[in-house]
Protein backbone atom coordinates (compact mmCIF):
# COMPACT_ATOMS: atom_id res chain seq x y z
CA MET A 1 45.22 22.72 11.91
CA PHE A 2 41.92 23.67 12.99
CA GLU A 3 42.69 26.92 14.71
CA ASN A 4 40.52 28.75 12.18
CA PHE A 5 37.34 26.28 13.02
CA THR A 6 34.81 27.20 16.08
CA ILE A 7 32.34 25.16 17.66
CA ARG A 8 29.26 26.91 19.06
CA HIS A 9 25.87 25.77 20.00
CA ALA A 10 23.20 26.25 17.05
CA ILE A 11 20.63 29.02 16.86
CA LEU A 12 17.48 28.91 14.93
CA SER A 13 19.02 31.06 11.93
CA ASP A 14 21.52 28.20 11.89
CA LEU A 15 18.99 25.40 10.59
CA PRO A 16 18.98 26.51 6.59
CA ALA A 17 22.87 25.83 6.74
CA ILE A 18 22.15 22.89 9.06
CA ILE A 19 19.66 21.35 6.67
CA ASP A 20 21.73 21.92 3.55
CA ILE A 21 24.47 20.19 4.98
CA TYR A 22 22.58 17.29 5.74
CA ASN A 23 20.48 17.50 2.46
CA SER A 24 23.82 17.17 0.92
CA THR A 25 24.24 13.88 2.18
CA ILE A 26 21.12 12.27 0.90
CA PRO A 27 22.12 11.41 -2.61
CA SER A 28 24.98 9.01 -1.56
CA ARG A 29 22.67 6.78 0.28
CA LEU A 30 25.58 6.32 2.98
CA ALA A 31 24.74 8.81 5.90
CA THR A 32 20.90 9.14 6.25
CA ALA A 33 18.14 7.21 5.66
CA ASP A 34 16.09 10.08 4.16
CA LEU A 35 15.30 9.68 0.59
CA GLU A 36 14.42 13.16 -0.33
CA PRO A 37 15.55 16.67 0.61
CA VAL A 38 14.07 17.51 4.26
CA SER A 39 12.74 21.06 5.01
CA ILE A 40 13.46 23.37 7.31
CA GLU A 41 9.91 23.44 8.84
CA SER A 42 10.48 19.91 8.98
CA ARG A 43 13.29 19.72 11.38
CA VAL A 44 11.99 22.84 13.53
CA GLN A 45 10.94 20.73 16.39
CA TRP A 46 14.29 18.19 15.90
CA PHE A 47 16.15 21.46 16.42
CA ASN A 48 14.08 22.19 19.57
CA ASP A 49 14.81 19.19 21.03
CA HIS A 50 18.20 19.86 21.77
CA SER A 51 19.72 22.14 24.50
CA PRO A 52 23.34 23.33 25.34
CA ASN A 53 23.48 21.61 28.54
CA PHE A 54 21.66 18.21 27.97
CA ARG A 55 21.62 17.19 24.39
CA PRO A 56 23.53 19.95 22.31
CA LEU A 57 23.39 20.63 18.62
CA TRP A 58 26.74 22.46 17.65
CA VAL A 59 27.48 24.06 14.28
CA VAL A 60 31.16 24.26 13.14
CA GLU A 61 32.45 27.40 11.33
CA ASN A 62 35.71 27.82 9.65
CA GLN A 63 36.12 31.67 9.24
CA GLY A 64 32.24 32.19 10.00
CA ASP A 65 30.97 29.67 7.01
CA THR A 66 29.22 27.20 8.58
CA CYS A 67 30.88 23.56 7.24
CA ALA A 68 29.74 20.85 9.71
CA TRP A 69 27.31 20.41 12.48
CA VAL A 70 27.48 17.76 15.50
CA SER A 71 23.80 16.44 17.27
CA PHE A 72 23.97 14.44 20.48
CA GLN A 73 20.23 12.98 20.67
CA SER A 74 18.40 11.08 23.44
CA PHE A 75 18.31 7.50 22.78
CA TYR A 76 15.28 5.61 23.47
CA GLY A 77 13.50 8.48 25.11
CA ARG A 78 13.26 7.23 28.70
CA PRO A 79 14.99 8.21 31.62
CA ALA A 80 16.90 5.59 32.56
CA TYR A 81 18.63 5.98 29.45
CA ASN A 82 19.78 9.68 30.01
CA SER A 83 23.57 8.72 30.38
CA THR A 84 23.34 7.40 26.66
CA ALA A 85 23.19 9.68 23.68
CA GLU A 86 23.26 9.10 20.02
CA ILE A 87 25.96 11.32 17.80
CA SER A 88 25.93 12.50 14.65
CA ILE A 89 28.21 14.30 12.36
CA TYR A 90 27.61 15.81 9.35
CA ILE A 91 30.18 17.88 6.88
CA ARG A 92 29.69 19.82 3.98
CA PRO A 93 31.10 17.89 0.77
CA ASP A 94 33.82 20.40 0.12
CA PHE A 95 34.97 20.07 3.83
CA ARG A 96 35.20 16.25 4.00
CA GLY A 97 38.24 14.23 3.84
CA ARG A 98 40.25 16.84 5.94
CA LYS A 99 39.92 14.85 9.23
CA LEU A 100 37.62 17.42 10.32
CA GLY A 101 35.51 14.21 11.54
CA LYS A 102 38.03 13.46 13.78
CA PHE A 103 38.36 16.65 14.98
CA LEU A 104 34.81 16.67 16.04
CA ILE A 105 34.27 13.18 17.23
CA GLN A 106 37.07 13.86 19.76
CA LYS A 107 35.69 17.43 20.80
CA ALA A 108 32.24 15.40 21.46
CA ILE A 109 33.98 12.79 23.49
CA GLU A 110 35.83 15.61 25.50
CA SER A 111 32.39 17.14 26.08
CA CYS A 112 30.39 13.94 27.64
CA PRO A 113 31.50 14.18 30.98
CA SER A 114 29.86 17.78 31.59
CA LEU A 115 26.94 16.44 29.46
CA GLU A 116 26.76 13.44 31.91
CA ILE A 117 27.24 11.28 29.03
CA LYS A 118 28.82 7.51 29.91
CA THR A 119 27.57 5.92 26.61
CA LEU A 120 27.82 7.24 23.16
CA LEU A 121 26.05 5.42 20.03
CA GLY A 122 26.61 6.06 16.32
CA PHE A 123 23.91 4.65 14.10
CA ILE A 124 25.43 3.61 10.87
CA PHE A 125 24.69 2.16 7.94
CA ALA A 126 27.19 -1.03 7.40
CA HIS A 127 27.97 0.02 3.97
CA ASN A 128 29.13 3.46 5.12
CA GLU A 129 32.87 2.66 5.39
CA PRO A 130 34.18 6.14 5.91
CA SER A 131 31.97 6.55 9.01
CA ILE A 132 32.55 2.93 10.40
CA LYS A 133 36.26 3.47 9.92
CA LEU A 134 36.15 7.01 11.75
CA PHE A 135 34.09 5.89 14.81
CA SER A 136 36.07 2.67 15.13
CA SER A 137 39.27 4.79 15.15
CA TYR A 138 38.25 6.39 18.35
CA GLY A 139 37.30 3.16 20.25
CA PHE A 140 34.08 2.73 19.17
CA ALA A 141 32.70 -1.05 18.53
CA THR A 142 29.62 -2.60 16.73
CA TRP A 143 27.14 -3.50 19.57
CA ALA A 144 24.48 -4.49 17.09
CA TYR A 145 23.73 -5.49 13.78
CA LEU A 146 20.18 -5.12 12.44
CA PRO A 147 20.28 -6.82 8.86
CA LYS A 148 18.39 -5.32 6.04
CA VAL A 149 16.30 -2.70 8.08
CA ALA A 150 16.64 -0.29 5.39
CA GLU A 151 15.67 0.00 1.78
CA LEU A 152 17.36 2.73 -0.17
CA ASP A 153 16.83 2.68 -4.10
CA GLY A 154 15.58 -0.74 -4.23
CA VAL A 155 18.70 -2.33 -2.17
CA GLU A 156 18.02 -3.44 1.25
CA ARG A 157 20.78 -2.14 3.83
CA ASP A 158 22.00 -3.38 7.11
CA LEU A 159 22.41 -0.97 9.91
CA LEU A 160 25.33 -1.27 12.50
CA ILE A 161 24.96 0.14 16.25
CA LEU A 162 28.42 1.46 17.21
CA GLY A 163 29.01 2.20 20.75
CA LYS A 164 31.86 3.43 23.23
CA ARG A 165 31.64 3.83 27.06
CA ILE A 166 33.22 7.03 28.40
CA LEU A 167 34.79 6.79 31.32
């Protein structure tokens, strides 16, 4: 089903497509706490914080066309947490609902041993039912519930931290 898809490490010239996909999620108020589109320039440091062997940033292509990306980010920024990473998956609107998220979360889980990741975390708004369903289907459980920590268009929103131990 995904034989026409490739996953590779992002390079700086991928950043505009990554930002386009990210910005496409902002209006829904489901996947990010950003309220306005972000600029490429504002994300260069975030891009540079990734590395293929420690905290990768993958782009997903379908016949050479970027359709999604996956980010592994350090949790809490202290060395004792190096075996824990936050995962983010963002999919272009025209590729959502095609089980691409399932494919990508499986690939991410499979990559954890080589990245020395023992725990994966997902930070997901409690009203983002599709993402909660996706992560839960791969054994992620609610490890934290943070009530009303975000405000989106005047509506206070809860944040869930879903976690999975990778053995």
